[in-house]
Amino acid sequence: MLGDYVIAGDADDKPRSDLKRPWDLITGYAKLEGVRLHDLRHTHAGIGAGAGLGLPIIGKLLGHRHPETTPRYAHLDADQLRRASNHIGNAIAEAMDKSMPDAQVVAFPERKTA
């Protein structure tokens, strides 16, 4: 019978209390040395933030009891900030274009990746 947990404890109805050994096996097999289990929570939150999910939703997904905890997890990278700034700038430019046809808004250039 399968239990409710990905990594079960001594009994199928209880989670394992220490994940160090299973996590070391997983990261070794996947050649992800140095990746901490906790890093997955930060990645999960960062991707959610980049997708435009609100911090209350991300906090609920991570099981945070206090709203002030979530921003520490939901890091925004420069590309996300650049896209947000360009989105806002384009909305301003569109509004200005209607009232001031000669106005010009310059977008941030996209970052070149190798």
PDB file of N, CA and C in Angstrom:
ATOM      1  N   MET A   1       0.832  -1.181   0.000  1.00  0.00           N
ATOM      2  CA  MET A   1       0.000   0.000   0.000  1.00  0.00           C
ATOM      3  C   MET A   1       0.882   1.250   0.000  1.00  0.00           C
ATOM      4  N   LEU A   2       0.493   2.208  -0.772  1.00  0.00           N
ATOM      5  CA  LEU A   2       1.218   3.466  -0.806  1.00  0.00           C
ATOM      6  C   LEU A   2       0.685   4.400   0.264  1.00  0.00           C
ATOM      7  N   GLY A   3       1.609   5.143   0.879  1.00  0.00           N
ATOM      8  CA  GLY A   3       1.213   6.108   1.888  1.00  0.00           C
ATOM      9  C   GLY A   3       0.907   7.460   1.271  1.00  0.00           C
ATOM     10  N   ASP A   4       0.656   8.435   2.119  1.00  0.00           N
ATOM     11  CA  ASP A   4       0.335   9.793   1.668  1.00  0.00           C
ATOM     12  C   ASP A   4       1.575  10.664   1.466  1.00  0.00           C
ATOM     13  N   TYR A   5       2.766  10.131   1.785  1.00  0.00           N
ATOM     14  CA  TYR A   5       3.971  10.946   1.760  1.00  0.00           C
ATOM     15  C   TYR A   5       4.946  10.457   0.703  1.00  0.00           C
ATOM     16  N   VAL A   6       5.634  11.388   0.075  1.00  0.00           N
ATOM     17  CA  VAL A   6       6.644  11.041  -0.925  1.00  0.00           C
ATOM     18  C   VAL A   6       7.756  10.235  -0.268  1.00  0.00           C
ATOM     19  N   ILE A   7       8.200  10.669   0.888  1.00  0.00           N
ATOM     20  CA  ILE A   7       9.219   9.944   1.650  1.00  0.00           C
ATOM     21  C   ILE A   7       8.594   9.604   2.995  1.00  0.00           C
ATOM     22  N   ALA A   8       8.109   8.368   3.079  1.00  0.00           N
ATOM     23  CA  ALA A   8       7.395   7.944   4.290  1.00  0.00           C
ATOM     24  C   ALA A   8       8.356   7.708   5.442  1.00  0.00           C
ATOM     25  N   GLY A   9       7.810   7.788   6.640  1.00  0.00           N
ATOM     26  CA  GLY A   9       8.576   7.482   7.841  1.00  0.00           C
ATOM     27  C   GLY A   9       8.533   5.988   8.107  1.00  0.00           C
ATOM     28  N   ASP A  10       8.706   5.632   9.355  1.00  0.00           N
ATOM     29  CA  ASP A  10       8.677   4.220   9.724  1.00  0.00           C
ATOM     30  C   ASP A  10       7.310   3.592   9.449  1.00  0.00           C
ATOM     31  N   ALA A  11       6.273   4.386   9.509  1.00  0.00           N
ATOM     32  CA  ALA A  11       4.932   3.918   9.195  1.00  0.00           C
ATOM     33  C   ALA A  11       4.404   4.733   8.008  1.00  0.00           C
ATOM     34  N   ASP A  12       3.600   4.106   7.148  1.00  0.00           N
ATOM     35  CA  ASP A  12       3.084   4.789   5.960  1.00  0.00           C
ATOM     36  C   ASP A  12       2.253   6.019   6.282  1.00  0.00           C
ATOM     37  N   ASP A  13       1.680   6.072   7.476  1.00  0.00           N
ATOM     38  CA  ASP A  13       0.807   7.196   7.821  1.00  0.00           C
ATOM     39  C   ASP A  13       1.561   8.343   8.486  1.00  0.00           C
ATOM     40  N   LYS A  14       2.906   8.280   8.508  1.00  0.00           N
ATOM     41  CA  LYS A  14       3.716   9.344   9.119  1.00  0.00           C
ATOM     42  C   LYS A  14       4.849   9.738   8.174  1.00  0.00           C
ATOM     43  N   PRO A  15       5.125  11.046   8.098  1.00  0.00           N
ATOM     44  CA  PRO A  15       6.246  11.463   7.244  1.00  0.00           C
ATOM     45  C   PRO A  15       7.579  11.144   7.923  1.00  0.00           C
ATOM     46  N   ARG A  16       8.611  11.071   7.131  1.00  0.00           N
ATOM     47  CA  ARG A  16       9.952  10.882   7.682  1.00  0.00           C
ATOM     48  C   ARG A  16      10.345  12.189   8.357  1.00  0.00           C
ATOM     49  N   SER A  17      10.929  12.112   9.532  1.00  0.00           N
ATOM     50  CA  SER A  17      11.272  13.334  10.271  1.00  0.00           C
ATOM     51  C   SER A  17      12.624  13.903   9.847  1.00  0.00           C
ATOM     52  N   ASP A  18      13.516  13.088   9.297  1.00  0.00           N
ATOM     53  CA  ASP A  18      14.834  13.549   8.866  1.00  0.00           C
ATOM     54  C   ASP A  18      15.005  13.238   7.384  1.00  0.00           C
ATOM     55  N   LEU A  19      15.167  14.271   6.575  1.00  0.00           N
ATOM     56  CA  LEU A  19      15.269  14.077   5.127  1.00  0.00           C
ATOM     57  C   LEU A  19      16.704  14.125   4.610  1.00  0.00           C
ATOM     58  N   LYS A  20      17.691  14.236   5.493  1.00  0.00           N
ATOM     59  CA  LYS A  20      19.079  14.391   5.043  1.00  0.00           C
ATOM     60  C   LYS A  20      19.544  13.223   4.181  1.00  0.00           C
ATOM     61  N   ARG A  21      19.406  11.999   4.662  1.00  0.00           N
ATOM     62  CA  ARG A  21      19.875  10.839   3.888  1.00  0.00           C
ATOM     63  C   ARG A  21      19.150  10.700   2.548  1.00  0.00           C
ATOM     64  N   PRO A  22      17.801  10.750   2.528  1.00  0.00           N
ATOM     65  CA  PRO A  22      17.132  10.646   1.222  1.00  0.00           C
ATOM     66  C   PRO A  22      17.515  11.793   0.282  1.00  0.00           C
ATOM     67  N   TRP A  23      17.639  13.001   0.818  1.00  0.00           N
ATOM     68  CA  TRP A  23      17.981  14.150  -0.034  1.00  0.00           C
ATOM     69  C   TRP A  23      19.397  13.997  -0.585  1.00  0.00           C
ATOM     70  N   ASP A  24      20.333  13.526   0.212  1.00  0.00           N
ATOM     71  CA  ASP A  24      21.698  13.288  -0.269  1.00  0.00           C
ATOM     72  C   ASP A  24      21.701  12.260  -1.395  1.00  0.00           C
ATOM     73  N   LEU A  25      20.892  11.221  -1.281  1.00  0.00           N
ATOM     74  CA  LEU A  25      20.791  10.210  -2.345  1.00  0.00           C
ATOM     75  C   LEU A  25      20.193  10.808  -3.621  1.00  0.00           C
ATOM     76  N   ILE A  26      19.149  11.598  -3.458  1.00  0.00           N
ATOM     77  CA  ILE A  26      18.482  12.214  -4.616  1.00  0.00           C
ATOM     78  C   ILE A  26      19.424  13.163  -5.347  1.00  0.00           C
ATOM     79  N   THR A  27      20.070  14.063  -4.608  1.00  0.00           N
ATOM     80  CA  THR A  27      20.946  15.041  -5.255  1.00  0.00           C
ATOM     81  C   THR A  27      22.188  14.381  -5.850  1.00  0.00           C
ATOM     82  N   GLY A  28      22.683  13.340  -5.202  1.00  0.00           N
ATOM     83  CA  GLY A  28      23.828  12.619  -5.759  1.00  0.00           C
ATOM     84  C   GLY A  28      23.460  11.935  -7.064  1.00  0.00           C
ATOM     85  N   TYR A  29      22.323  11.264  -7.096  1.00  0.00           N
ATOM     86  CA  TYR A  29      21.854  10.579  -8.294  1.00  0.00           C
ATOM     87  C   TYR A  29      21.612  11.573  -9.432  1.00  0.00           C
ATOM     88  N   ALA A  30      21.048  12.737  -9.106  1.00  0.00           N
ATOM     89  CA  ALA A  30      20.720  13.748 -10.111  1.00  0.00           C
ATOM     90  C   ALA A  30      21.901  14.669 -10.429  1.00  0.00           C
ATOM     91  N   LYS A  31      23.056  14.427  -9.788  1.00  0.00           N
ATOM     92  CA  LYS A  31      24.252  15.272  -9.973  1.00  0.00           C
ATOM     93  C   LYS A  31      23.950  16.742  -9.658  1.00  0.00           C
ATOM     94  N   LEU A  32      23.272  16.945  -8.546  1.00  0.00           N
ATOM     95  CA  LEU A  32      22.919  18.286  -8.069  1.00  0.00           C
ATOM     96  C   LEU A  32      23.604  18.561  -6.738  1.00  0.00           C
ATOM     97  N   GLU A  33      24.881  18.264  -6.665  1.00  0.00           N
ATOM     98  CA  GLU A  33      25.622  18.454  -5.420  1.00  0.00           C
ATOM     99  C   GLU A  33      25.519  19.907  -4.969  1.00  0.00           C
ATOM    100  N   GLY A  34      25.297  20.096  -3.697  1.00  0.00           N
ATOM    101  CA  GLY A  34      25.232  21.444  -3.133  1.00  0.00           C
ATOM    102  C   GLY A  34      23.843  22.058  -3.139  1.00  0.00           C
ATOM    103  N   VAL A  35      22.871  21.409  -3.784  1.00  0.00           N
ATOM    104  CA  VAL A  35      21.504  21.928  -3.790  1.00  0.00           C
ATOM    105  C   VAL A  35      20.822  21.465  -2.509  1.00  0.00           C
ATOM    106  N   ARG A  36      20.324  22.442  -1.761  1.00  0.00           N
ATOM    107  CA  ARG A  36      19.637  22.122  -0.506  1.00  0.00           C
ATOM    108  C   ARG A  36      18.152  21.944  -0.759  1.00  0.00           C
ATOM    109  N   LEU A  37      17.525  21.129   0.035  1.00  0.00           N
ATOM    110  CA  LEU A  37      16.085  20.924  -0.071  1.00  0.00           C
ATOM    111  C   LEU A  37      15.361  22.262   0.078  1.00  0.00           C
ATOM    112  N   HIS A  38      15.872  23.110   0.953  1.00  0.00           N
ATOM    113  CA  HIS A  38      15.268  24.419   1.186  1.00  0.00           C
ATOM    114  C   HIS A  38      15.342  25.305  -0.063  1.00  0.00           C
ATOM    115  N   ASP A  39      16.339  25.077  -0.919  1.00  0.00           N
ATOM    116  CA  ASP A  39      16.460  25.858  -2.156  1.00  0.00           C
ATOM    117  C   ASP A  39      15.231  25.676  -3.044  1.00  0.00           C
ATOM    118  N   LEU A  40      14.606  24.511  -2.969  1.00  0.00           N
ATOM    119  CA  LEU A  40      13.410  24.258  -3.773  1.00  0.00           C
ATOM    120  C   LEU A  40      12.264  25.186  -3.373  1.00  0.00           C
ATOM    121  N   ARG A  41      12.166  25.489  -2.090  1.00  0.00           N
ATOM    122  CA  ARG A  41      11.120  26.408  -1.622  1.00  0.00           C
ATOM    123  C   ARG A  41      11.346  27.805  -2.185  1.00  0.00           C
ATOM    124  N   HIS A  42      12.600  28.251  -2.205  1.00  0.00           N
ATOM    125  CA  HIS A  42      12.914  29.570  -2.749  1.00  0.00           C
ATOM    126  C   HIS A  42      12.631  29.607  -4.255  1.00  0.00           C
ATOM    127  N   THR A  43      13.011  28.548  -4.954  1.00  0.00           N
ATOM    128  CA  THR A  43      12.766  28.476  -6.399  1.00  0.00           C
ATOM    129  C   THR A  43      11.269  28.478  -6.675  1.00  0.00           C
ATOM    130  N   HIS A  44      10.528  27.688  -5.937  1.00  0.00           N
ATOM    131  CA  HIS A  44       9.072  27.614  -6.087  1.00  0.00           C
ATOM    132  C   HIS A  44       8.444  29.002  -5.913  1.00  0.00           C
ATOM    133  N   ALA A  45       8.847  29.689  -4.861  1.00  0.00           N
ATOM    134  CA  ALA A  45       8.308  31.023  -4.587  1.00  0.00           C
ATOM    135  C   ALA A  45       8.740  32.022  -5.655  1.00  0.00           C
ATOM    136  N   GLY A  46       9.995  31.963  -6.084  1.00  0.00           N
ATOM    137  CA  GLY A  46      10.488  32.893  -7.101  1.00  0.00           C
ATOM    138  C   GLY A  46       9.770  32.730  -8.427  1.00  0.00           C
ATOM    139  N   ILE A  47       9.522  31.486  -8.828  1.00  0.00           N
ATOM    140  CA  ILE A  47       8.797  31.242 -10.075  1.00  0.00           C
ATOM    141  C   ILE A  47       7.351  31.726  -9.949  1.00  0.00           C
ATOM    142  N   GLY A  48       6.747  31.498  -8.795  1.00  0.00           N
ATOM    143  CA  GLY A  48       5.390  32.002  -8.569  1.00  0.00           C
ATOM    144  C   GLY A  48       5.325  33.517  -8.647  1.00  0.00           C
ATOM    145  N   ALA A  49       6.305  34.176  -8.052  1.00  0.00           N
ATOM    146  CA  ALA A  49       6.344  35.646  -8.097  1.00  0.00           C
ATOM    147  C   ALA A  49       6.549  36.132  -9.526  1.00  0.00           C
ATOM    148  N   GLY A  50       7.430  35.451 -10.258  1.00  0.00           N
ATOM    149  CA  GLY A  50       7.686  35.825 -11.653  1.00  0.00           C
ATOM    150  C   GLY A  50       6.468  35.621 -12.545  1.00  0.00           C
ATOM    151  N   ALA A  51       5.601  34.685 -12.168  1.00  0.00           N
ATOM    152  CA  ALA A  51       4.387  34.425 -12.929  1.00  0.00           C
ATOM    153  C   ALA A  51       3.258  35.383 -12.540  1.00  0.00           C
ATOM    154  N   GLY A  52       3.545  36.270 -11.581  1.00  0.00           N
ATOM    155  CA  GLY A  52       2.545  37.257 -11.191  1.00  0.00           C
ATOM    156  C   GLY A  52       1.612  36.802 -10.082  1.00  0.00           C
ATOM    157  N   LEU A  53       1.915  35.667  -9.464  1.00  0.00           N
ATOM    158  CA  LEU A  53       1.092  35.234  -8.335  1.00  0.00           C
ATOM    159  C   LEU A  53       1.345  36.175  -7.165  1.00  0.00           C
ATOM    160  N   GLY A  54       0.351  36.495  -6.436  1.00  0.00           N
ATOM    161  CA  GLY A  54       0.506  37.400  -5.299  1.00  0.00           C
ATOM    162  C   GLY A  54       1.191  36.711  -4.136  1.00  0.00           C
ATOM    163  N   LEU A  55       1.813  37.516  -3.288  1.00  0.00           N
ATOM    164  CA  LEU A  55       2.499  36.971  -2.120  1.00  0.00           C
ATOM    165  C   LEU A  55       1.573  36.203  -1.186  1.00  0.00           C
ATOM    166  N   PRO A  56       0.299  36.614  -1.013  1.00  0.00           N
ATOM    167  CA  PRO A  56      -0.576  35.799  -0.160  1.00  0.00           C
ATOM    168  C   PRO A  56      -0.763  34.374  -0.696  1.00  0.00           C
ATOM    169  N   ILE A  57      -0.885  34.232  -2.006  1.00  0.00           N
ATOM    170  CA  ILE A  57      -1.038  32.901  -2.613  1.00  0.00           C
ATOM    171  C   ILE A  57       0.237  32.095  -2.413  1.00  0.00           C
ATOM    172  N   ILE A  58       1.390  32.706  -2.696  1.00  0.00           N
ATOM    173  CA  ILE A  58       2.674  32.014  -2.541  1.00  0.00           C
ATOM    174  C   ILE A  58       2.872  31.601  -1.088  1.00  0.00           C
ATOM    175  N   GLY A  59       2.547  32.491  -0.169  1.00  0.00           N
ATOM    176  CA  GLY A  59       2.674  32.178   1.247  1.00  0.00           C
ATOM    177  C   GLY A  59       1.821  30.992   1.658  1.00  0.00           C
ATOM    178  N   LYS A  60       0.598  30.926   1.127  1.00  0.00           N
ATOM    179  CA  LYS A  60      -0.280  29.784   1.427  1.00  0.00           C
ATOM    180  C   LYS A  60       0.314  28.495   0.876  1.00  0.00           C
ATOM    181  N   LEU A  61       0.841  28.561  -0.352  1.00  0.00           N
ATOM    182  CA  LEU A  61       1.445  27.368  -0.949  1.00  0.00           C
ATOM    183  C   LEU A  61       2.637  26.874  -0.140  1.00  0.00           C
ATOM    184  N   LEU A  62       3.397  27.802   0.428  1.00  0.00           N
ATOM    185  CA  LEU A  62       4.569  27.425   1.212  1.00  0.00           C
ATOM    186  C   LEU A  62       4.218  27.093   2.658  1.00  0.00           C
ATOM    187  N   GLY A  63       2.979  27.337   3.044  1.00  0.00           N
ATOM    188  CA  GLY A  63       2.562  27.032   4.407  1.00  0.00           C
ATOM    189  C   GLY A  63       3.004  28.054   5.433  1.00  0.00           C
ATOM    190  N   HIS A  64       3.225  29.302   4.993  1.00  0.00           N
ATOM    191  CA  HIS A  64       3.644  30.350   5.924  1.00  0.00           C
ATOM    192  C   HIS A  64       2.468  30.798   6.782  1.00  0.00           C
ATOM    193  N   ARG A  65       2.707  30.910   8.058  1.00  0.00           N
ATOM    194  CA  ARG A  65       1.672  31.398   8.974  1.00  0.00           C
ATOM    195  C   ARG A  65       1.680  32.913   9.058  1.00  0.00           C
ATOM    196  N   HIS A  66       2.840  33.521   8.786  1.00  0.00           N
ATOM    197  CA  HIS A  66       2.986  34.972   8.908  1.00  0.00           C
ATOM    198  C   HIS A  66       3.292  35.572   7.534  1.00  0.00           C
ATOM    199  N   PRO A  67       2.505  36.558   7.091  1.00  0.00           N
ATOM    200  CA  PRO A  67       2.691  37.142   5.761  1.00  0.00           C
ATOM    201  C   PRO A  67       4.073  37.770   5.544  1.00  0.00           C
ATOM    202  N   GLU A  68       4.714  38.227   6.612  1.00  0.00           N
ATOM    203  CA  GLU A  68       6.020  38.886   6.442  1.00  0.00           C
ATOM    204  C   GLU A  68       7.129  37.896   6.092  1.00  0.00           C
ATOM    205  N   THR A  69       6.871  36.609   6.198  1.00  0.00           N
ATOM    206  CA  THR A  69       7.872  35.592   5.863  1.00  0.00           C
ATOM    207  C   THR A  69       8.020  35.432   4.355  1.00  0.00           C
ATOM    208  N   THR A  70       6.944  35.510   3.619  1.00  0.00           N
ATOM    209  CA  THR A  70       6.926  35.177   2.194  1.00  0.00           C
ATOM    210  C   THR A  70       7.855  36.029   1.337  1.00  0.00           C
ATOM    211  N   PRO A  71       7.957  37.350   1.521  1.00  0.00           N
ATOM    212  CA  PRO A  71       8.858  38.116   0.653  1.00  0.00           C
ATOM    213  C   PRO A  71      10.322  37.654   0.708  1.00  0.00           C
ATOM    214  N   ARG A  72      10.723  37.025   1.801  1.00  0.00           N
ATOM    215  CA  ARG A  72      12.091  36.512   1.887  1.00  0.00           C
ATOM    216  C   ARG A  72      12.311  35.349   0.932  1.00  0.00           C
ATOM    217  N   TYR A  73      11.249  34.691   0.556  1.00  0.00           N
ATOM    218  CA  TYR A  73      11.334  33.545  -0.350  1.00  0.00           C
ATOM    219  C   TYR A  73      11.120  33.929  -1.806  1.00  0.00           C
ATOM    220  N   ALA A  74      10.259  34.890  -2.053  1.00  0.00           N
ATOM    221  CA  ALA A  74       9.839  35.232  -3.414  1.00  0.00           C
ATOM    222  C   ALA A  74      10.747  36.292  -4.022  1.00  0.00           C
ATOM    223  N   HIS A  75      11.974  35.911  -4.280  1.00  0.00           N
ATOM    224  CA  HIS A  75      12.946  36.836  -4.874  1.00  0.00           C
ATOM    225  C   HIS A  75      12.580  37.118  -6.329  1.00  0.00           C
ATOM    226  N   LEU A  76      12.715  38.350  -6.714  1.00  0.00           N
ATOM    227  CA  LEU A  76      12.485  38.731  -8.098  1.00  0.00           C
ATOM    228  C   LEU A  76      13.833  38.947  -8.769  1.00  0.00           C
ATOM    229  N   ASP A  77      14.023  38.358  -9.943  1.00  0.00           N
ATOM    230  CA  ASP A  77      15.290  38.595 -10.630  1.00  0.00           C
ATOM    231  C   ASP A  77      15.184  39.841 -11.500  1.00  0.00           C
ATOM    232  N   ALA A  78      16.317  40.268 -12.054  1.00  0.00           N
ATOM    233  CA  ALA A  78      16.359  41.517 -12.822  1.00  0.00           C
ATOM    234  C   ALA A  78      15.442  41.462 -14.038  1.00  0.00           C
ATOM    235  N   ASP A  79      15.332  40.307 -14.702  1.00  0.00           N
ATOM    236  CA  ASP A  79      14.463  40.207 -15.874  1.00  0.00           C
ATOM    237  C   ASP A  79      13.002  40.414 -15.503  1.00  0.00           C
ATOM    238  N   GLN A  80      12.583  39.867 -14.360  1.00  0.00           N
ATOM    239  CA  GLN A  80      11.204  40.058 -13.934  1.00  0.00           C
ATOM    240  C   GLN A  80      10.937  41.523 -13.643  1.00  0.00           C
ATOM    241  N   LEU A  81      11.875  42.173 -12.986  1.00  0.00           N
ATOM    242  CA  LEU A  81      11.713  43.599 -12.679  1.00  0.00           C
ATOM    243  C   LEU A  81      11.719  44.426 -13.958  1.00  0.00           C
ATOM    244  N   ARG A  82      12.575  44.063 -14.902  1.00  0.00           N
ATOM    245  CA  ARG A  82      12.649  44.786 -16.180  1.00  0.00           C
ATOM    246  C   ARG A  82      11.323  44.634 -16.936  1.00  0.00           C
ATOM    247  N   ARG A  83      10.782  43.422 -16.989  1.00  0.00           N
ATOM    248  CA  ARG A  83       9.503  43.200 -17.681  1.00  0.00           C
ATOM    249  C   ARG A  83       8.390  44.002 -17.018  1.00  0.00           C
ATOM    250  N   ALA A  84       8.379  44.017 -15.687  1.00  0.00           N
ATOM    251  CA  ALA A  84       7.349  44.783 -14.972  1.00  0.00           C
ATOM    252  C   ALA A  84       7.481  46.264 -15.276  1.00  0.00           C
ATOM    253  N   SER A  85       8.711  46.770 -15.260  1.00  0.00           N
ATOM    254  CA  SER A  85       8.940  48.182 -15.546  1.00  0.00           C
ATOM    255  C   SER A  85       8.526  48.527 -16.980  1.00  0.00           C
ATOM    256  N   ASN A  86       8.872  47.660 -17.926  1.00  0.00           N
ATOM    257  CA  ASN A  86       8.486  47.900 -19.317  1.00  0.00           C
ATOM    258  C   ASN A  86       6.973  47.853 -19.492  1.00  0.00           C
ATOM    259  N   HIS A  87       6.322  46.935 -18.798  1.00  0.00           N
ATOM    260  CA  HIS A  87       4.858  46.834 -18.872  1.00  0.00           C
ATOM    261  C   HIS A  87       4.214  48.137 -18.383  1.00  0.00           C
ATOM    262  N   ILE A  88       4.685  48.620 -17.261  1.00  0.00           N
ATOM    263  CA  ILE A  88       4.163  49.879 -16.706  1.00  0.00           C
ATOM    264  C   ILE A  88       4.493  51.037 -17.642  1.00  0.00           C
ATOM    265  N   GLY A  89       5.735  51.065 -18.134  1.00  0.00           N
ATOM    266  CA  GLY A  89       6.144  52.123 -19.060  1.00  0.00           C
ATOM    267  C   GLY A  89       5.308  52.142 -20.328  1.00  0.00           C
ATOM    268  N   ASN A  90       5.006  50.962 -20.853  1.00  0.00           N
ATOM    269  CA  ASN A  90       4.171  50.891 -22.058  1.00  0.00           C
ATOM    270  C   ASN A  90       2.761  51.407 -21.795  1.00  0.00           C
ATOM    271  N   ALA A  91       2.224  51.099 -20.623  1.00  0.00           N
ATOM    272  CA  ALA A  91       0.893  51.608 -20.274  1.00  0.00           C
ATOM    273  C   ALA A  91       0.917  53.131 -20.171  1.00  0.00           C
ATOM    274  N   ILE A  92       1.978  53.667 -19.586  1.00  0.00           N
ATOM    275  CA  ILE A  92       2.121  55.127 -19.482  1.00  0.00           C
ATOM    276  C   ILE A  92       2.276  55.735 -20.869  1.00  0.00           C
ATOM    277  N   ALA A  93       3.110  55.095 -21.710  1.00  0.00           N
ATOM    278  CA  ALA A  93       3.323  55.607 -23.066  1.00  0.00           C
ATOM    279  C   ALA A  93       2.024  55.625 -23.856  1.00  0.00           C
ATOM    280  N   GLU A  94       1.220  54.574 -23.695  1.00  0.00           N
ATOM    281  CA  GLU A  94      -0.057  54.515 -24.400  1.00  0.00           C
ATOM    282  C   GLU A  94      -0.977  55.642 -23.934  1.00  0.00           C
ATOM    283  N   ALA A  95      -1.008  55.877 -22.633  1.00  0.00           N
ATOM    284  CA  ALA A  95      -1.832  56.967 -22.102  1.00  0.00           C
ATOM    285  C   ALA A  95      -1.308  58.322 -22.574  1.00  0.00           C
ATOM    286  N   MET A  96       0.021  58.477 -22.598  1.00  0.00           N
ATOM    287  CA  MET A  96       0.614  59.746 -23.029  1.00  0.00           C
ATOM    288  C   MET A  96       0.406  59.964 -24.518  1.00  0.00           C
ATOM    289  N   ASP A  97       0.438  58.887 -25.288  1.00  0.00           N
ATOM    290  CA  ASP A  97       0.288  58.983 -26.739  1.00  0.00           C
ATOM    291  C   ASP A  97      -1.046  59.596 -27.117  1.00  0.00           C
ATOM    292  N   LYS A  98      -2.051  59.318 -26.299  1.00  0.00           N
ATOM    293  CA  LYS A  98      -3.388  59.856 -26.582  1.00  0.00           C
ATOM    294  C   LYS A  98      -3.468  61.347 -26.297  1.00  0.00           C
ATOM    295  N   SER A  99      -2.739  61.797 -25.287  1.00  0.00           N
ATOM    296  CA  SER A  99      -2.822  63.208 -24.918  1.00  0.00           C
ATOM    297  C   SER A  99      -1.612  64.005 -25.397  1.00  0.00           C
ATOM    298  N   MET A 100      -0.473  63.330 -25.610  1.00  0.00           N
ATOM    299  CA  MET A 100       0.763  64.010 -26.030  1.00  0.00           C
ATOM    300  C   MET A 100       1.427  63.171 -27.123  1.00  0.00           C
ATOM    301  N   PRO A 101       1.021  63.291 -28.371  1.00  0.00           N
ATOM    302  CA  PRO A 101       1.523  62.424 -29.443  1.00  0.00           C
ATOM    303  C   PRO A 101       3.041  62.466 -29.642  1.00  0.00           C
ATOM    304  N   ASP A 102       3.718  63.532 -29.229  1.00  0.00           N
ATOM    305  CA  ASP A 102       5.173  63.622 -29.425  1.00  0.00           C
ATOM    306  C   ASP A 102       5.976  63.052 -28.266  1.00  0.00           C
ATOM    307  N   ALA A 103       5.310  62.590 -27.210  1.00  0.00           N
ATOM    308  CA  ALA A 103       6.018  62.040 -26.043  1.00  0.00           C
ATOM    309  C   ALA A 103       6.652  60.709 -26.410  1.00  0.00           C
ATOM    310  N   GLN A 104       7.786  60.415 -25.750  1.00  0.00           N
ATOM    311  CA  GLN A 104       8.507  59.181 -26.051  1.00  0.00           C
ATOM    312  C   GLN A 104       8.930  58.500 -24.746  1.00  0.00           C
ATOM    313  N   VAL A 105       8.679  57.207 -24.645  1.00  0.00           N
ATOM    314  CA  VAL A 105       9.119  56.404 -23.514  1.00  0.00           C
ATOM    315  C   VAL A 105      10.082  55.364 -24.057  1.00  0.00           C
ATOM    316  N   VAL A 106      11.246  55.262 -23.430  1.00  0.00           N
ATOM    317  CA  VAL A 106      12.280  54.312 -23.874  1.00  0.00           C
ATOM    318  C   VAL A 106      12.271  53.114 -22.948  1.00  0.00           C
ATOM    319  N   ALA A 107      12.140  51.907 -23.517  1.00  0.00           N
ATOM    320  CA  ALA A 107      12.118  50.685 -22.726  1.00  0.00           C
ATOM    321  C   ALA A 107      13.536  50.249 -22.372  1.00  0.00           C
ATOM    322  N   PHE A 108      13.671  49.559 -21.242  1.00  0.00           N
ATOM    323  CA  PHE A 108      14.947  48.963 -20.881  1.00  0.00           C
ATOM    324  C   PHE A 108      15.284  47.880 -21.895  1.00  0.00           C
ATOM    325  N   PRO A 109      16.534  47.779 -22.311  1.00  0.00           N
ATOM    326  CA  PRO A 109      16.899  46.696 -23.240  1.00  0.00           C
ATOM    327  C   PRO A 109      16.873  45.353 -22.524  1.00  0.00           C
ATOM    328  N   GLU A 110      16.538  44.293 -23.263  1.00  0.00           N
ATOM    329  CA  GLU A 110      16.573  42.947 -22.705  1.00  0.00           C
ATOM    330  C   GLU A 110      18.016  42.532 -22.480  1.00  0.00           C
ATOM    331  N   ARG A 111      18.233  41.767 -21.444  1.00  0.00           N
ATOM    332  CA  ARG A 111      19.583  41.291 -21.109  1.00  0.00           C
ATOM    333  C   ARG A 111      19.967  40.182 -22.075  1.00  0.00           C
ATOM    334  N   LYS A 112      21.167  40.231 -22.585  1.00  0.00           N
ATOM    335  CA  LYS A 112      21.704  39.200 -23.460  1.00  0.00           C
ATOM    336  C   LYS A 112      22.169  38.027 -22.614  1.00  0.00           C
ATOM    337  N   THR A 113      21.742  36.844 -22.992  1.00  0.00           N
ATOM    338  CA  THR A 113      22.200  35.648 -22.285  1.00  0.00           C
ATOM    339  C   THR A 113      23.090  34.848 -23.216  1.00  0.00           C
ATOM    340  N   ALA A 114      24.089  34.226 -22.618  1.00  0.00           N
ATOM    341  CA  ALA A 114      25.036  33.461 -23.430  1.00  0.00           C
ATOM    342  C   ALA A 114      24.528  32.073 -23.688  1.00  0.00           C
TER     343      ALA A 114
END
